[in-house]
Amino acid sequence: FAIDSYNVHRLVIAGVTVASKFFSDVFYTNSRYAKVGGLPQGELNALELQFLLLNDFALVIPPEELARYAAQLISYGQS
């Protein structure tokens, strides 16, 4: 899929929801994240599952890979 200005917030809210659940023992419900993200809860539930499937449920990023992503983001920001 292509990320654009119309769907990037969906990717972000799905990522934040998954990350919150992964890194914290205490997290908000999907209904709360959906409300904050301006999405119906059912859509966020589907986005969360799709996010996990697209990442093969692999939520740990090796430091080297994270450094490459950071460099790419900096490069995009400077162009």
Protein backbone atom coordinates (compact mmCIF):
# COMPACT_ATOMS: atom_id res chain seq x y z
CA PHE A 1 0.00 0.00 0.00
CA ALA A 2 1.07 3.58 -0.49
CA ILE A 3 1.36 5.96 2.45
CA ASP A 4 -0.01 9.42 1.77
CA SER A 5 -1.33 12.43 3.63
CA TYR A 6 -4.79 10.85 3.74
CA ASN A 7 -3.81 7.62 5.48
CA VAL A 8 -0.58 8.29 7.38
CA HIS A 9 -2.46 8.99 10.62
CA ARG A 10 -4.00 5.51 10.40
CA LEU A 11 -0.54 3.97 10.20
CA VAL A 12 0.64 6.09 13.12
CA ILE A 13 -2.31 5.30 15.39
CA ALA A 14 -2.03 1.57 14.58
CA GLY A 15 1.69 1.68 15.36
CA VAL A 16 1.19 3.61 18.60
CA THR A 17 -1.52 1.18 19.71
CA VAL A 18 0.65 -1.88 19.03
CA ALA A 19 3.76 -0.29 20.58
CA SER A 20 1.87 0.71 23.70
CA LYS A 21 0.62 -2.82 24.22
CA PHE A 22 4.04 -4.30 23.49
CA PHE A 23 6.09 -2.07 25.78
CA SER A 24 3.73 -1.44 28.68
CA ASP A 25 1.85 -3.60 31.13
CA VAL A 26 -0.71 -0.82 31.50
CA PHE A 27 -2.26 0.57 28.32
CA TYR A 28 -5.47 2.15 27.12
CA THR A 29 -8.21 0.23 25.35
CA ASN A 30 -8.59 0.29 21.59
CA SER A 31 -11.72 2.39 21.99
CA ARG A 32 -9.58 5.11 23.64
CA TYR A 33 -6.92 4.99 20.92
CA ALA A 34 -9.63 5.02 18.26
CA LYS A 35 -11.26 8.07 19.81
CA VAL A 36 -7.94 9.93 20.00
CA GLY A 37 -7.14 8.93 16.41
CA GLY A 38 -10.56 9.91 15.12
CA LEU A 39 -11.33 6.40 13.86
CA PRO A 40 -14.14 3.95 14.51
CA GLN A 41 -13.01 1.23 16.92
CA GLY A 42 -13.69 -1.50 14.37
CA GLU A 43 -11.37 0.19 11.88
CA LEU A 44 -8.60 0.50 14.47
CA ASN A 45 -9.03 -3.17 15.40
CA ALA A 46 -8.60 -4.11 11.72
CA LEU A 47 -5.62 -1.75 11.32
CA GLU A 48 -3.94 -3.19 14.41
CA LEU A 49 -4.27 -6.73 13.08
CA GLN A 50 -3.08 -5.71 9.61
CA PHE A 51 -0.10 -3.88 11.16
CA LEU A 52 0.88 -7.03 13.05
CA LEU A 53 0.40 -9.28 10.03
CA LEU A 54 2.45 -7.01 7.75
CA ASN A 55 5.24 -7.10 10.33
CA ASP A 56 4.94 -10.88 10.81
CA PHE A 57 4.26 -10.10 14.48
CA ALA A 58 7.95 -9.16 14.75
CA LEU A 59 7.94 -6.09 16.95
CA VAL A 60 11.60 -5.94 17.95
CA ILE A 61 13.81 -3.95 15.58
CA PRO A 62 17.56 -4.68 15.68
CA PRO A 63 19.64 -1.56 16.50
CA GLU A 64 21.36 -1.57 13.10
CA GLU A 65 18.03 -1.56 11.27
CA LEU A 66 16.71 1.20 13.51
CA ALA A 67 19.80 3.29 12.70
CA ARG A 68 19.15 2.84 8.96
CA TYR A 69 15.53 3.97 9.39
CA ALA A 70 16.66 7.01 11.36
CA ALA A 71 19.15 7.94 8.64
CA GLN A 72 16.45 7.62 5.98
CA LEU A 73 14.06 9.83 7.94
CA ILE A 74 16.75 12.47 8.38
CA SER A 75 17.53 12.28 4.67
CA TYR A 76 13.86 12.70 3.73
CA GLY A 77 13.55 15.64 6.08
CA GLN A 78 16.47 17.43 4.45
CA SER A 79 15.19 17.06 0.89
